[in-house]
N, C-alpha and C. Protein backbone atom coordinates (compact mmCIF):
# COMPACT_ATOMS: atom_id res chain seq x y z
N UNK A 1 73.95 81.46 165.65
CA UNK A 1 74.04 79.93 165.36
C UNK A 1 74.89 79.15 165.03
N UNK A 2 75.09 77.58 165.85
CA UNK A 2 76.32 77.01 165.85
C UNK A 2 76.45 76.75 164.31
N UNK A 3 77.89 76.19 163.79
CA UNK A 3 78.19 75.91 161.97
C UNK A 3 77.40 74.60 161.16
N UNK A 4 77.12 73.87 162.61
CA UNK A 4 76.86 72.91 161.99
C UNK A 4 74.82 73.01 161.46
N UNK A 5 74.19 73.60 162.20
CA UNK A 5 72.96 73.99 162.33
C UNK A 5 72.86 74.96 160.94
N UNK A 6 73.42 75.98 160.60
CA UNK A 6 73.07 76.36 159.24
C UNK A 6 73.37 76.54 158.43
N UNK A 7 73.97 75.05 158.45
CA UNK A 7 75.08 74.44 157.22
C UNK A 7 74.19 73.50 156.67
N UNK A 8 73.50 72.29 157.60
CA UNK A 8 72.98 71.20 157.67
C UNK A 8 72.75 71.38 156.10
N UNK A 9 72.32 72.24 155.44
CA UNK A 9 71.52 72.36 153.87
C UNK A 9 72.55 71.95 153.12
N UNK A 10 73.09 72.70 153.64
CA UNK A 10 74.68 72.43 153.29
C UNK A 10 75.72 71.02 152.58
N UNK A 11 75.33 70.21 153.55
CA UNK A 11 75.88 68.52 153.99
C UNK A 11 74.56 68.57 153.19
N UNK A 12 73.32 68.39 152.90
CA UNK A 12 72.52 67.64 152.55
C UNK A 12 72.40 68.05 150.71
N UNK A 13 72.90 68.72 150.53
CA UNK A 13 74.13 68.84 149.11
C UNK A 13 75.08 68.01 148.05
N UNK A 14 75.69 67.71 149.82
CA UNK A 14 77.00 67.31 149.76
C UNK A 14 76.85 65.90 149.63
N UNK A 15 75.82 65.45 150.19
CA UNK A 15 75.71 63.62 150.04
C UNK A 15 75.97 62.77 148.55
N UNK A 16 75.50 63.68 147.84
CA UNK A 16 76.11 63.33 146.55
C UNK A 16 77.32 62.97 146.48
N UNK A 17 78.39 63.42 147.19
CA UNK A 17 79.39 63.37 146.96
C UNK A 17 80.00 61.10 146.91
N UNK A 18 79.27 61.03 148.00
CA UNK A 18 79.40 59.70 147.74
C UNK A 18 79.13 58.57 146.34
N UNK A 19 80.13 58.00 146.58
CA UNK A 19 79.74 56.73 144.69
C UNK A 19 79.34 55.21 146.04
N UNK A 20 79.31 55.06 144.74
CA UNK A 20 79.17 52.99 145.69
C UNK A 20 79.89 52.14 145.60
N UNK A 21 80.99 53.13 145.00
CA UNK A 21 82.47 52.46 145.50
C UNK A 21 82.74 52.93 146.80
N UNK A 22 82.79 54.33 147.69
CA UNK A 22 83.10 54.35 148.98
C UNK A 22 82.05 53.74 149.69
N UNK A 23 80.65 53.26 149.29
CA UNK A 23 79.50 52.43 150.03
C UNK A 23 80.04 51.31 150.23
N UNK A 24 80.89 50.50 149.18
CA UNK A 24 81.28 49.26 148.94
C UNK A 24 82.69 49.50 149.62
N UNK A 25 83.49 50.78 149.79
CA UNK A 25 84.69 50.49 150.53
C UNK A 25 84.63 50.98 152.11
N UNK A 26 83.64 50.89 152.38
CA UNK A 26 82.96 51.47 154.41
C UNK A 26 82.79 50.20 155.02
N UNK A 27 81.67 49.48 152.98
CA UNK A 27 81.22 48.20 153.83
C UNK A 27 81.97 47.09 154.12
N UNK A 28 82.52 47.38 152.92
CA UNK A 28 84.38 45.82 153.14
C UNK A 28 84.86 46.24 154.31
N UNK A 29 85.30 47.02 155.30
CA UNK A 29 86.27 47.34 156.34
C UNK A 29 85.20 47.13 157.28
N UNK A 30 83.82 46.91 157.80
CA UNK A 30 82.74 47.08 158.38
C UNK A 30 82.41 45.24 158.56
N UNK A 31 81.76 44.86 157.38
CA UNK A 31 81.95 43.36 156.93
C UNK A 31 82.03 42.78 157.79
N UNK A 32 83.34 42.26 158.04
CA UNK A 32 83.80 41.08 159.32
C UNK A 32 83.59 41.78 160.69
N UNK A 33 82.64 42.84 160.98
CA UNK A 33 81.92 42.49 162.05
C UNK A 33 80.82 42.76 162.59
N UNK A 34 79.62 42.79 161.33
CA UNK A 34 78.60 42.44 160.81
C UNK A 34 78.18 41.09 161.57
N UNK A 35 76.88 41.00 162.43
CA UNK A 35 76.32 39.81 162.54
C UNK A 35 74.28 39.87 162.29
N UNK A 36 74.09 41.10 162.25
CA UNK A 36 73.49 41.24 161.84
C UNK A 36 71.96 41.38 163.18
N UNK A 37 72.78 40.47 164.11
CA UNK A 37 71.76 40.68 165.60
C UNK A 37 72.04 42.09 166.32
N UNK A 38 73.14 43.12 165.62
CA UNK A 38 73.14 44.11 166.29
C UNK A 38 72.93 45.55 165.34
N UNK A 39 72.53 46.96 164.95
CA UNK A 39 73.05 47.31 164.16
C UNK A 39 74.23 48.36 164.58
N UNK A 40 74.72 49.09 163.20
CA UNK A 40 75.87 49.41 163.32
C UNK A 40 75.43 51.16 163.71
N UNK A 41 76.38 51.82 164.52
CA UNK A 41 76.01 53.42 164.49
C UNK A 41 77.22 54.18 163.58
N UNK A 42 76.43 55.24 162.90
CA UNK A 42 78.03 56.47 162.59
C UNK A 42 76.81 57.79 163.76
N UNK A 43 77.74 57.72 163.76
CA UNK A 43 78.16 58.54 164.95
C UNK A 43 78.77 60.20 163.72
N UNK A 44 78.13 61.25 164.44
CA UNK A 44 77.43 62.58 163.95
C UNK A 44 77.90 62.42 162.64
N UNK A 45 76.72 61.07 161.41
CA UNK A 45 76.10 60.99 160.53
C UNK A 45 75.80 62.17 159.55
N UNK A 46 75.35 63.07 160.30
CA UNK A 46 74.99 64.60 159.92
C UNK A 46 73.42 64.50 159.36
N UNK A 47 73.55 64.40 158.10
CA UNK A 47 72.20 63.95 156.95
C UNK A 47 72.08 62.71 155.76
N UNK A 48 73.19 61.79 156.50
CA UNK A 48 72.44 60.73 156.28
C UNK A 48 73.12 59.82 154.77
N UNK A 49 73.46 60.93 154.15
CA UNK A 49 74.19 60.19 153.00
C UNK A 49 75.07 58.92 153.05
N UNK A 50 75.91 58.45 153.47
CA UNK A 50 77.09 57.37 154.16
C UNK A 50 76.17 56.90 154.59
N UNK A 51 75.46 56.44 155.18
CA UNK A 51 74.79 55.98 156.27
C UNK A 51 73.57 54.99 155.33
N UNK A 52 73.26 55.40 154.69
CA UNK A 52 72.20 55.21 153.30
C UNK A 52 73.00 54.09 152.52
N UNK A 53 73.67 54.50 152.29
CA UNK A 53 74.69 53.75 150.97
C UNK A 53 75.25 52.56 151.55
N UNK A 54 75.96 52.41 152.62
CA UNK A 54 76.18 51.98 153.88
C UNK A 54 74.98 50.54 154.40
N UNK A 55 73.70 51.08 154.52
CA UNK A 55 72.82 50.40 155.12
C UNK A 55 72.88 49.37 154.45
N UNK A 56 72.76 49.83 152.59
CA UNK A 56 72.27 49.04 151.44
C UNK A 56 73.03 48.21 150.98
N UNK A 57 74.49 48.51 151.51
CA UNK A 57 75.31 47.24 151.01
C UNK A 57 75.53 46.25 151.51
N UNK A 58 75.16 46.87 153.26
CA UNK A 58 74.96 44.99 154.10
C UNK A 58 74.24 44.86 154.58
N UNK A 59 72.72 45.89 154.38
CA UNK A 59 71.67 45.07 154.41
C UNK A 59 71.51 44.72 156.13
N UNK A 60 72.10 45.91 156.64
CA UNK A 60 71.76 45.98 158.20
C UNK A 60 71.46 47.23 158.74
N UNK A 61 70.85 46.87 160.13
CA UNK A 61 70.52 48.40 160.47
C UNK A 61 71.43 49.20 160.73
N UNK A 62 71.58 50.98 160.58
CA UNK A 62 72.38 51.53 161.19
C UNK A 62 71.47 52.77 161.36
N UNK A 63 72.19 53.43 162.37
CA UNK A 63 71.56 54.45 163.72
C UNK A 63 72.63 55.50 162.95
N UNK A 64 71.86 56.37 162.75
CA UNK A 64 72.60 58.23 162.84
C UNK A 64 72.76 58.76 164.18
N UNK A 65 73.94 58.93 165.31
CA UNK A 65 73.36 59.55 165.76
C UNK A 65 74.52 61.10 165.61
N UNK A 66 73.72 61.93 166.17
CA UNK A 66 74.43 63.46 165.96
C UNK A 66 73.92 64.34 166.50
N UNK A 67 74.88 65.20 166.71
CA UNK A 67 74.23 66.24 167.82
C UNK A 67 73.23 67.17 167.36
N UNK A 68 73.46 67.92 165.81
CA UNK A 68 72.49 69.39 165.13
C UNK A 68 71.25 68.45 165.05
N UNK A 69 69.94 68.40 165.42
CA UNK A 69 68.96 68.23 164.89
C UNK A 69 68.61 69.24 163.66
N UNK A 70 69.32 69.88 163.61
CA UNK A 70 69.28 70.02 161.96
C UNK A 70 69.46 69.42 160.99
N UNK A 71 70.85 68.73 161.11
CA UNK A 71 71.24 67.38 160.45
C UNK A 71 70.25 66.45 160.60
N UNK A 72 69.62 65.91 161.35
CA UNK A 72 69.18 64.94 161.63
C UNK A 72 67.61 65.26 160.72
N UNK A 73 67.25 65.93 160.39
CA UNK A 73 65.12 66.62 160.10
C UNK A 73 66.03 66.20 158.44
N UNK A 74 67.07 66.60 158.25
CA UNK A 74 67.76 66.03 156.72
C UNK A 74 67.96 64.65 155.88
N UNK A 75 67.57 63.98 157.34
CA UNK A 75 67.98 62.55 156.73
C UNK A 75 66.70 61.46 155.61
N UNK A 76 66.81 61.51 154.48
CA UNK A 76 65.95 61.19 153.52
C UNK A 76 65.96 59.15 154.66
N UNK A 77 64.40 59.03 154.00
CA UNK A 77 63.73 57.78 154.75
C UNK A 77 64.52 56.65 154.24
N UNK A 78 64.98 56.19 155.29
CA UNK A 78 65.10 54.28 154.26
C UNK A 78 64.80 53.19 154.89
N UNK A 79 64.35 52.34 154.43
CA UNK A 79 64.12 51.39 155.84
C UNK A 79 64.98 50.64 156.84
N UNK A 80 66.46 51.07 156.54
CA UNK A 80 67.44 50.44 157.51
C UNK A 80 67.92 51.53 158.80
N UNK A 81 67.66 52.83 157.88
CA UNK A 81 68.42 53.78 158.48
C UNK A 81 67.56 54.22 160.01
N UNK A 82 68.16 54.65 161.15
CA UNK A 82 67.49 55.90 161.89
C UNK A 82 67.94 56.91 162.18
N UNK A 83 67.54 57.71 163.30
CA UNK A 83 68.04 58.46 163.52
C UNK A 83 68.65 58.89 165.43
N UNK A 84 69.16 59.43 165.59
CA UNK A 84 69.35 59.90 167.40
C UNK A 84 69.78 60.88 167.58
N UNK A 85 69.27 61.91 168.38
CA UNK A 85 69.86 62.82 169.06
C UNK A 85 70.53 63.18 169.89
N UNK A 86 72.00 63.27 170.02
CA UNK A 86 72.63 62.58 171.02
C UNK A 86 74.16 63.65 170.67
N UNK A 87 74.06 63.89 171.64
CA UNK A 87 76.26 64.14 171.34
C UNK A 87 77.17 63.04 171.73
N UNK A 88 78.17 63.20 170.60
CA UNK A 88 79.11 61.80 170.94
C UNK A 88 80.01 61.55 172.31
N UNK A 89 79.98 62.48 173.08
CA UNK A 89 80.44 61.84 174.57
C UNK A 89 79.84 61.50 175.08
N UNK A 90 78.58 61.39 175.28
CA UNK A 90 77.25 61.06 175.85
C UNK A 90 76.38 60.33 175.21
N UNK A 91 76.34 58.93 174.67
CA UNK A 91 75.87 57.89 173.58
C UNK A 91 74.85 57.30 175.05
N UNK A 92 73.01 57.66 174.04
CA UNK A 92 72.03 57.16 175.54
C UNK A 92 71.85 55.53 174.66
N UNK A 93 72.53 54.88 174.76
CA UNK A 93 72.65 53.30 174.09
C UNK A 93 73.69 53.05 175.12
N UNK A 94 73.00 51.06 175.45
CA UNK A 94 73.27 50.57 176.37
C UNK A 94 74.97 50.06 176.13
N UNK A 95 75.81 49.41 176.78
CA UNK A 95 77.00 48.66 176.53
C UNK A 95 77.21 47.67 175.33
N UNK A 96 77.63 47.58 174.61
CA UNK A 96 77.71 46.77 173.57
C UNK A 96 76.78 46.78 172.55
N UNK A 97 76.21 47.74 172.63
CA UNK A 97 74.81 47.71 171.64
C UNK A 97 74.47 46.93 170.19
N UNK A 98 75.96 48.14 169.70
CA UNK A 98 76.54 48.18 168.05
C UNK A 98 76.98 46.85 168.07
N UNK A 99 77.15 46.16 166.79
CA UNK A 99 78.43 45.19 166.12
C UNK A 99 79.50 46.24 165.54
N UNK A 100 78.93 47.42 165.26
CA UNK A 100 80.76 48.24 165.02
C UNK A 100 79.87 49.53 164.67
N UNK A 101 81.04 50.42 164.55
CA UNK A 101 80.55 51.89 164.36
C UNK A 101 81.37 52.43 163.23
N UNK A 102 81.12 53.78 162.48
CA UNK A 102 81.28 54.42 161.57
C UNK A 102 81.55 56.08 161.77
N UNK A 103 81.96 56.02 162.08
CA UNK A 103 83.06 57.77 161.57
C UNK A 103 83.89 58.58 160.70
N UNK A 104 82.73 59.87 160.42
CA UNK A 104 83.04 60.02 159.00
C UNK A 104 83.16 60.82 159.21
N UNK A 105 84.51 62.11 158.42
CA UNK A 105 85.14 63.76 158.73
C UNK A 105 84.17 63.76 159.76
N UNK A 106 84.51 63.31 161.11
CA UNK A 106 83.49 64.06 162.04
C UNK A 106 84.45 64.26 163.42
N UNK A 107 85.61 63.11 163.45
CA UNK A 107 86.07 63.18 164.48
C UNK A 107 87.49 64.71 165.20
N UNK A 108 87.19 64.99 164.09
CA UNK A 108 87.71 66.49 163.99
C UNK A 108 86.98 67.48 165.03
N UNK A 109 85.66 67.34 164.77
CA UNK A 109 84.81 68.09 165.25
C UNK A 109 84.70 68.13 166.34
N UNK A 110 84.62 67.53 167.11
CA UNK A 110 84.25 66.90 168.63
C UNK A 110 84.99 68.20 169.78
N UNK A 111 84.29 68.43 170.58
CA UNK A 111 85.50 68.72 171.25
C UNK A 111 85.92 67.78 172.44
N UNK A 112 85.22 67.02 173.23
CA UNK A 112 85.94 66.61 174.18
C UNK A 112 86.33 64.57 173.36
N UNK A 113 86.93 64.71 172.89
CA UNK A 113 87.71 63.27 171.68
C UNK A 113 87.73 62.63 173.01
N UNK A 114 88.31 62.16 173.39
CA UNK A 114 88.96 61.11 174.68
C UNK A 114 87.12 60.55 174.89
N UNK A 115 86.47 61.41 175.52
CA UNK A 115 85.05 61.24 176.34
C UNK A 115 84.51 60.47 175.46
N UNK A 116 84.08 60.85 173.82
CA UNK A 116 83.76 60.21 172.42
C UNK A 116 84.34 59.27 172.68
N UNK A 117 86.02 59.13 172.15
CA UNK A 117 86.48 57.62 172.08
C UNK A 117 85.90 56.45 173.43
N UNK A 118 85.74 57.18 174.41
CA UNK A 118 85.47 56.20 175.36
C UNK A 118 84.11 55.30 175.21
N UNK A 119 83.27 56.76 174.91
CA UNK A 119 82.01 56.37 174.55
C UNK A 119 82.29 55.49 173.35
N UNK A 120 82.81 55.29 171.76
CA UNK A 120 82.82 54.44 171.52
C UNK A 120 83.12 53.05 171.76
N UNK A 121 83.96 52.99 172.52
CA UNK A 121 84.69 51.54 172.91
C UNK A 121 83.83 51.61 173.97
N UNK A 122 82.77 52.13 174.70
CA UNK A 122 81.59 51.69 175.06
C UNK A 122 80.20 50.79 174.14
N UNK A 123 79.93 51.70 173.21
CA UNK A 123 78.68 51.16 172.99
C UNK A 123 78.57 50.43 171.73
N UNK A 124 79.77 49.91 171.35
CA UNK A 124 80.40 49.04 170.00
C UNK A 124 80.76 47.71 171.60
N UNK A 125 80.37 46.72 170.66
CA UNK A 125 80.23 45.37 171.85
C UNK A 125 82.20 44.56 171.74
N UNK A 126 82.29 43.93 172.53
CA UNK A 126 83.83 43.31 172.84
C UNK A 126 83.91 42.62 171.90
N UNK A 127 84.89 42.91 170.59
CA UNK A 127 85.58 42.67 169.46
C UNK A 127 84.73 43.08 168.34
N UNK A 128 83.61 44.35 168.33
CA UNK A 128 83.42 45.14 167.70
C UNK A 128 84.22 45.82 166.44
N UNK A 129 83.59 46.37 165.69
CA UNK A 129 85.02 47.38 165.00
C UNK A 129 84.82 48.40 165.04
N UNK A 130 85.20 49.65 164.73
CA UNK A 130 85.45 51.27 163.92
C UNK A 130 85.85 51.17 163.17
N UNK A 131 85.19 52.21 162.67
CA UNK A 131 86.02 52.98 161.67
C UNK A 131 85.86 54.42 161.08
N UNK A 132 86.92 54.73 161.08
CA UNK A 132 87.66 56.55 161.74
C UNK A 132 87.85 56.78 160.55
N UNK A 133 86.96 57.57 159.64
CA UNK A 133 87.66 58.45 157.94
C UNK A 133 87.35 59.73 158.65
N UNK A 134 89.44 59.92 158.26
CA UNK A 134 88.99 61.53 158.58
C UNK A 134 90.14 62.44 157.62
N UNK A 135 91.03 63.43 158.01
CA UNK A 135 92.06 64.46 157.54
C UNK A 135 93.83 64.15 158.13
N UNK A 136 94.58 64.49 157.20
CA UNK A 136 95.27 64.57 157.98
C UNK A 136 95.78 66.29 158.21
N UNK A 137 95.99 66.47 159.19
CA UNK A 137 96.66 67.69 159.18
C UNK A 137 98.09 68.42 158.43
N UNK A 138 97.70 68.69 156.62
CA UNK A 138 98.57 68.47 156.07
C UNK A 138 97.76 69.06 155.22
N UNK A 139 98.42 69.52 154.29
CA UNK A 139 98.02 69.96 151.85
C UNK A 139 96.35 70.39 152.76
N UNK A 140 95.90 70.29 151.84
CA UNK A 140 94.48 70.72 152.57
C UNK A 140 93.98 70.53 153.59
N UNK A 141 94.14 69.94 154.20
CA UNK A 141 93.77 69.08 155.87
C UNK A 141 93.83 70.58 156.72
N UNK A 142 95.04 70.66 156.23
CA UNK A 142 95.65 72.08 156.81
C UNK A 142 95.03 73.65 156.95
N UNK A 143 94.39 73.97 155.62
CA UNK A 143 93.70 74.86 154.80
C UNK A 143 92.29 74.52 155.61
N UNK A 144 91.85 73.48 155.24
CA UNK A 144 90.62 72.69 156.53
C UNK A 144 90.34 72.94 157.93
N UNK A 145 92.09 72.68 158.65
CA UNK A 145 91.73 73.33 160.05
C UNK A 145 91.61 74.87 160.05
N UNK A 146 92.32 75.42 159.77
CA UNK A 146 92.63 77.00 159.37
C UNK A 146 91.19 77.45 159.58
N UNK A 147 90.31 77.21 158.21
CA UNK A 147 88.86 77.67 158.38
C UNK A 147 88.11 77.55 159.06
N UNK A 148 87.96 76.12 159.81
CA UNK A 148 87.43 75.41 160.85
C UNK A 148 87.95 76.00 162.39
N UNK A 149 88.61 76.85 161.68
CA UNK A 149 89.45 77.37 164.08
C UNK A 149 88.39 78.76 163.34
N UNK A 150 88.62 79.48 162.36
CA UNK A 150 87.57 80.46 161.86
C UNK A 150 86.30 80.55 161.92
N UNK A 151 85.56 79.49 161.82
CA UNK A 151 84.46 78.90 162.66
C UNK A 151 83.96 78.77 163.54
N UNK A 152 85.14 78.80 164.91
CA UNK A 152 84.83 78.43 166.03
C UNK A 152 84.77 76.92 166.29
N UNK A 153 84.92 76.27 165.27
CA UNK A 153 85.29 74.97 165.47
C UNK A 153 86.32 74.10 165.83
N UNK A 154 86.66 73.08 166.82
CA UNK A 154 87.87 72.46 167.20
C UNK A 154 89.15 72.46 166.54
N UNK A 155 88.52 71.40 165.83
CA UNK A 155 89.73 71.18 164.23
C UNK A 155 90.21 70.62 165.05
N UNK A 156 90.98 70.05 166.19
CA UNK A 156 91.30 69.55 166.51
C UNK A 156 91.42 67.75 165.38
N UNK A 157 92.40 67.91 164.11
CA UNK A 157 93.15 67.17 163.55
C UNK A 157 93.61 66.35 164.00
N UNK A 158 94.09 64.55 163.98
CA UNK A 158 95.12 63.86 163.51
C UNK A 158 95.86 63.09 162.68
N UNK A 159 96.98 63.12 162.58
CA UNK A 159 97.32 62.22 161.81
C UNK A 159 97.22 61.10 161.79
N UNK A 160 97.36 60.09 160.81
CA UNK A 160 96.71 58.94 160.90
C UNK A 160 97.82 57.94 161.96
N UNK A 161 98.98 58.13 162.80
CA UNK A 161 99.88 58.02 163.17
C UNK A 161 98.95 57.49 164.65
N UNK A 162 98.61 59.15 164.71
CA UNK A 162 98.05 59.85 166.19
C UNK A 162 96.94 59.19 166.34
N UNK A 163 96.05 59.07 165.69
CA UNK A 163 94.82 58.86 165.68
C UNK A 163 95.01 57.29 165.75
N UNK A 164 96.37 56.03 165.14
CA UNK A 164 95.70 54.61 165.52
C UNK A 164 95.96 54.84 167.15
N UNK A 165 97.64 55.54 167.78
CA UNK A 165 97.89 55.87 169.14
C UNK A 165 96.90 56.26 170.21
N UNK A 166 96.08 57.32 169.47
CA UNK A 166 94.89 57.40 170.09
C UNK A 166 93.67 56.26 170.24
N UNK A 167 93.32 55.81 169.54
CA UNK A 167 92.01 54.92 169.72
C UNK A 167 92.90 53.53 170.46
N UNK A 168 94.09 53.34 170.59
CA UNK A 168 94.78 52.24 171.20
C UNK A 168 94.32 52.52 172.60
N UNK A 169 94.67 53.85 173.10
CA UNK A 169 95.16 54.12 174.52
C UNK A 169 93.05 53.80 174.64
N UNK A 170 92.67 53.98 174.27
CA UNK A 170 90.55 53.97 174.46
C UNK A 170 90.47 52.98 173.99
N UNK A 171 91.19 51.69 173.64
CA UNK A 171 90.97 50.64 173.82
C UNK A 171 89.93 49.52 172.35
N UNK A 172 90.63 50.47 171.44
CA UNK A 172 90.15 50.53 170.01
C UNK A 172 91.44 50.03 168.85
N UNK A 173 91.86 48.38 169.00
CA UNK A 173 93.04 48.96 168.17
C UNK A 173 93.13 48.38 167.15
N UNK A 174 93.91 49.12 166.38
CA UNK A 174 93.82 48.95 165.10
C UNK A 174 95.35 49.66 164.01
N UNK A 175 94.96 49.41 162.88
CA UNK A 175 95.60 50.64 161.66
C UNK A 175 94.69 51.45 160.97
N UNK A 176 95.68 52.45 160.18
CA UNK A 176 95.36 53.43 159.58
C UNK A 176 96.51 52.47 158.53
N UNK A 177 95.03 53.34 157.06
CA UNK A 177 95.51 52.99 156.09
C UNK A 177 95.13 54.91 155.39
N UNK A 178 96.37 54.84 154.90
CA UNK A 178 95.81 56.72 153.77
C UNK A 178 95.96 56.64 152.69
N UNK A 179 95.15 57.07 152.15
CA UNK A 179 94.22 57.41 151.00
C UNK A 179 95.06 58.77 149.56
N UNK A 180 94.60 58.95 149.07
CA UNK A 180 94.82 59.63 148.03
C UNK A 180 94.58 61.58 149.19
N UNK A 181 95.39 61.96 148.98
CA UNK A 181 95.14 63.97 149.77
C UNK A 181 96.01 63.71 151.15
N UNK A 182 95.12 63.88 151.96
CA UNK A 182 95.18 63.77 153.04
C UNK A 182 94.34 63.33 154.19
N UNK A 183 93.35 62.54 153.51
CA UNK A 183 92.79 61.23 154.01
C UNK A 183 93.07 59.59 154.73
N UNK A 184 93.01 59.35 155.34
CA UNK A 184 92.86 58.17 156.04
C UNK A 184 91.28 57.72 156.54
N UNK A 185 91.86 55.80 156.51
CA UNK A 185 90.93 55.65 157.37
C UNK A 185 91.81 54.76 158.10
N UNK A 186 90.70 55.09 159.78
CA UNK A 186 91.75 54.28 160.99
C UNK A 186 90.26 52.67 160.96
N UNK A 187 90.66 51.59 161.19
CA UNK A 187 89.71 50.22 161.24
C UNK A 187 90.42 49.91 162.42
N UNK A 188 89.74 49.72 163.62
CA UNK A 188 89.77 49.27 164.58
C UNK A 188 88.72 47.90 165.04
N UNK A 189 89.36 47.32 166.23
CA UNK A 189 88.29 46.39 166.80
C UNK A 189 88.23 46.49 168.99
N UNK A 190 87.46 46.67 169.16
CA UNK A 190 87.53 46.41 170.67
C UNK A 190 87.85 45.95 171.16
N UNK A 191 88.90 46.08 172.19
CA UNK A 191 89.72 44.89 172.76
C UNK A 191 88.76 44.95 174.57
N UNK A 192 88.73 46.10 174.97
CA UNK A 192 88.39 46.39 176.06
C UNK A 192 87.01 47.37 176.18
N UNK A 193 86.31 47.47 177.42
CA UNK A 193 84.84 48.86 177.20
C UNK A 193 85.53 49.51 178.40
């Protein structure tokens, strides 16, 4: 059984790691892009802990797209959150459907990162935003990469600098901010689809 299918109950328990401050920090990054005419995408949003907090902070609809059914069935009911079973590299949404997207602690899990980035640029409207939160392959990030490889995950971690250049090549131009430890956030604008 794939890693995310059997570990979904553990991820649901981990939803409690998100604080009000985390929700507000992500909402602040997304706020300039929100028009309230379109939803926000939480790509590989898992069990939805971050989605619900961001949806409440912004007062907008959030669609969680995740490739693991076992994750999505654990999303708690929330009036602004819906779910869709979908792979990151083949999203079942029209061009420009979302105002913005969020992808937290997941991009390094995508087997086809180029395909996922192309889809991100396609489904977010021109001028829309993208927030990608991930871990650099140093310090604890290096340990995480080792463990994930043992679990047969791609563990395709990028540095903050690599993420910025990678997303720009796919039409999402922005900058990264490093946080404590090995984590960072990329904030970009879709400049072409």
